[in-house]
Amino acid sequence: MSGFVRRPTEAAAIRAAARSTRPLPSVPALLAALLVANDRGDREAVTLCAHRVVRVAAPEVGEQ
């Protein structure tokens, strides 16, 4: 098999998702998820939750 073949519907779905705004969870909900991830030892989830907390609390961070 050679390469990756994209379906036209996949490209349309990606464009639609990029145009829509998705509300982020509240800071308390994200911090609760962060604590659960930390308790379980899930380092990837801890990183994801921490980044989401920063994105919600300071939306100007990371914007270009």
N, C-alpha and C. Protein backbone atom coordinates (compact mmCIF):
# COMPACT_ATOMS: atom_id res chain seq x y z
N MET A 1 0.84 -1.18 0.00
CA MET A 1 0.00 0.00 0.00
C MET A 1 0.88 1.24 0.00
N SER A 2 0.52 2.14 -0.81
CA SER A 2 1.36 3.33 -0.93
C SER A 2 0.61 4.58 -0.52
N GLY A 3 1.04 5.17 0.56
CA GLY A 3 0.53 6.49 0.95
C GLY A 3 -0.83 6.48 1.63
N PHE A 4 -1.26 7.68 1.88
CA PHE A 4 -2.50 7.93 2.59
C PHE A 4 -3.48 8.60 1.64
N VAL A 5 -4.67 8.08 1.53
CA VAL A 5 -5.67 8.64 0.62
C VAL A 5 -6.74 9.32 1.45
N ARG A 6 -6.93 10.60 1.21
CA ARG A 6 -7.97 11.35 1.92
C ARG A 6 -9.28 11.26 1.17
N ARG A 7 -10.34 11.16 1.91
CA ARG A 7 -11.67 11.16 1.31
C ARG A 7 -12.17 12.60 1.22
N PRO A 8 -12.96 12.93 0.20
CA PRO A 8 -13.47 14.30 0.08
C PRO A 8 -14.29 14.73 1.29
N THR A 9 -15.02 13.80 1.90
CA THR A 9 -15.82 14.16 3.07
C THR A 9 -14.94 14.48 4.26
N GLU A 10 -13.77 13.84 4.33
CA GLU A 10 -12.85 14.12 5.43
C GLU A 10 -12.32 15.55 5.33
N ALA A 11 -11.94 15.97 4.13
CA ALA A 11 -11.45 17.33 3.93
C ALA A 11 -12.54 18.35 4.27
N ALA A 12 -13.77 18.07 3.88
CA ALA A 12 -14.88 18.97 4.18
C ALA A 12 -15.13 19.04 5.68
N ALA A 13 -15.02 17.93 6.36
CA ALA A 13 -15.22 17.91 7.82
C ALA A 13 -14.12 18.69 8.53
N ILE A 14 -12.90 18.56 8.06
CA ILE A 14 -11.79 19.30 8.67
C ILE A 14 -11.97 20.80 8.46
N ARG A 15 -12.37 21.21 7.26
CA ARG A 15 -12.62 22.64 7.00
C ARG A 15 -13.75 23.17 7.87
N ALA A 16 -14.83 22.40 8.01
CA ALA A 16 -15.96 22.84 8.83
C ALA A 16 -15.55 22.96 10.29
N ALA A 17 -14.77 22.03 10.79
CA ALA A 17 -14.32 22.09 12.18
C ALA A 17 -13.40 23.27 12.41
N ALA A 18 -12.59 23.61 11.42
CA ALA A 18 -11.68 24.74 11.56
C ALA A 18 -12.44 26.07 11.58
N ARG A 19 -13.58 26.12 10.92
CA ARG A 19 -14.37 27.36 10.88
C ARG A 19 -15.22 27.56 12.13
N SER A 20 -15.59 26.47 12.79
CA SER A 20 -16.49 26.59 13.93
C SER A 20 -15.72 26.84 15.22
N THR A 21 -16.34 27.57 16.12
CA THR A 21 -15.73 27.79 17.43
C THR A 21 -16.31 26.77 18.39
N ARG A 22 -15.45 26.17 19.15
CA ARG A 22 -15.87 25.18 20.12
C ARG A 22 -15.65 25.74 21.51
N PRO A 23 -16.69 25.77 22.34
CA PRO A 23 -16.51 26.30 23.69
C PRO A 23 -15.60 25.39 24.51
N LEU A 24 -14.74 26.00 25.27
CA LEU A 24 -13.84 25.25 26.14
C LEU A 24 -14.50 25.02 27.49
N PRO A 25 -14.16 23.94 28.16
CA PRO A 25 -14.72 23.69 29.49
C PRO A 25 -14.27 24.77 30.48
N SER A 26 -14.95 24.84 31.60
CA SER A 26 -14.60 25.83 32.62
C SER A 26 -13.28 25.45 33.30
N VAL A 27 -12.65 26.42 33.92
CA VAL A 27 -11.38 26.18 34.61
C VAL A 27 -11.55 25.15 35.73
N PRO A 28 -12.60 25.23 36.57
CA PRO A 28 -12.75 24.21 37.61
C PRO A 28 -12.89 22.79 37.05
N ALA A 29 -13.60 22.64 35.94
CA ALA A 29 -13.74 21.31 35.33
C ALA A 29 -12.41 20.81 34.81
N LEU A 30 -11.63 21.71 34.21
CA LEU A 30 -10.32 21.32 33.70
C LEU A 30 -9.36 20.98 34.82
N LEU A 31 -9.42 21.74 35.91
CA LEU A 31 -8.54 21.44 37.04
C LEU A 31 -8.91 20.11 37.69
N ALA A 32 -10.20 19.80 37.73
CA ALA A 32 -10.63 18.50 38.25
C ALA A 32 -10.10 17.38 37.36
N ALA A 33 -10.17 17.57 36.05
CA ALA A 33 -9.64 16.57 35.12
C ALA A 33 -8.12 16.45 35.27
N LEU A 34 -7.47 17.57 35.53
CA LEU A 34 -6.02 17.56 35.74
C LEU A 34 -5.65 16.73 36.97
N LEU A 35 -6.42 16.90 38.04
CA LEU A 35 -6.16 16.13 39.26
C LEU A 35 -6.39 14.63 39.04
N VAL A 36 -7.44 14.28 38.32
CA VAL A 36 -7.72 12.88 38.03
C VAL A 36 -6.60 12.28 37.19
N ALA A 37 -6.17 13.02 36.16
CA ALA A 37 -5.08 12.53 35.30
C ALA A 37 -3.80 12.35 36.11
N ASN A 38 -3.54 13.28 37.01
CA ASN A 38 -2.34 13.19 37.84
C ASN A 38 -2.42 11.98 38.77
N ASP A 39 -3.59 11.76 39.37
CA ASP A 39 -3.77 10.61 40.26
C ASP A 39 -3.57 9.28 39.52
N ARG A 40 -3.97 9.25 38.26
CA ARG A 40 -3.85 8.03 37.47
C ARG A 40 -2.46 7.86 36.85
N GLY A 41 -1.65 8.90 36.94
CA GLY A 41 -0.31 8.83 36.37
C GLY A 41 -0.27 8.97 34.86
N ASP A 42 -1.29 9.61 34.30
CA ASP A 42 -1.38 9.79 32.85
C ASP A 42 -0.71 11.10 32.47
N ARG A 43 0.55 11.03 32.12
CA ARG A 43 1.35 12.24 31.85
C ARG A 43 0.83 13.01 30.64
N GLU A 44 0.38 12.30 29.62
CA GLU A 44 -0.13 12.97 28.42
C GLU A 44 -1.40 13.76 28.74
N ALA A 45 -2.29 13.18 29.54
CA ALA A 45 -3.51 13.87 29.92
C ALA A 45 -3.21 15.06 30.83
N VAL A 46 -2.21 14.93 31.70
CA VAL A 46 -1.82 16.05 32.56
C VAL A 46 -1.36 17.22 31.70
N THR A 47 -0.54 16.94 30.71
CA THR A 47 -0.06 17.99 29.81
C THR A 47 -1.21 18.63 29.04
N LEU A 48 -2.10 17.80 28.51
CA LEU A 48 -3.25 18.31 27.76
C LEU A 48 -4.13 19.19 28.63
N CYS A 49 -4.44 18.74 29.84
CA CYS A 49 -5.29 19.52 30.75
C CYS A 49 -4.62 20.82 31.15
N ALA A 50 -3.34 20.77 31.43
CA ALA A 50 -2.61 21.99 31.81
C ALA A 50 -2.63 23.01 30.67
N HIS A 51 -2.44 22.56 29.46
CA HIS A 51 -2.47 23.47 28.31
C HIS A 51 -3.87 24.05 28.11
N ARG A 52 -4.89 23.23 28.32
CA ARG A 52 -6.27 23.72 28.19
C ARG A 52 -6.60 24.76 29.25
N VAL A 53 -6.12 24.55 30.48
CA VAL A 53 -6.35 25.52 31.54
C VAL A 53 -5.75 26.87 31.15
N VAL A 54 -4.53 26.85 30.64
CA VAL A 54 -3.89 28.11 30.23
C VAL A 54 -4.66 28.74 29.09
N ARG A 55 -5.13 27.92 28.16
CA ARG A 55 -5.87 28.47 27.00
C ARG A 55 -7.17 29.12 27.42
N VAL A 56 -7.85 28.53 28.42
CA VAL A 56 -9.11 29.11 28.91
C VAL A 56 -8.84 30.35 29.75
N ALA A 57 -7.86 30.28 30.62
CA ALA A 57 -7.59 31.37 31.56
C ALA A 57 -6.95 32.58 30.87
N ALA A 58 -6.13 32.34 29.88
CA ALA A 58 -5.43 33.43 29.17
C ALA A 58 -5.50 33.17 27.67
N PRO A 59 -6.61 33.52 27.02
CA PRO A 59 -6.78 33.19 25.61
C PRO A 59 -5.75 33.83 24.69
N GLU A 60 -5.10 34.91 25.14
CA GLU A 60 -4.12 35.56 24.29
C GLU A 60 -2.81 34.78 24.20
N VAL A 61 -2.60 33.82 25.09
CA VAL A 61 -1.39 33.00 25.06
C VAL A 61 -1.45 32.07 23.86
N GLY A 62 -0.42 32.04 23.08
CA GLY A 62 -0.35 31.14 21.96
C GLY A 62 -0.95 31.69 20.68
N GLU A 63 -1.60 32.82 20.73
CA GLU A 63 -2.14 33.41 19.50
C GLU A 63 -1.04 34.15 18.77
N GLN A 64 -1.16 34.19 17.47
CA GLN A 64 -0.14 34.85 16.67
C GLN A 64 -0.60 36.17 16.13
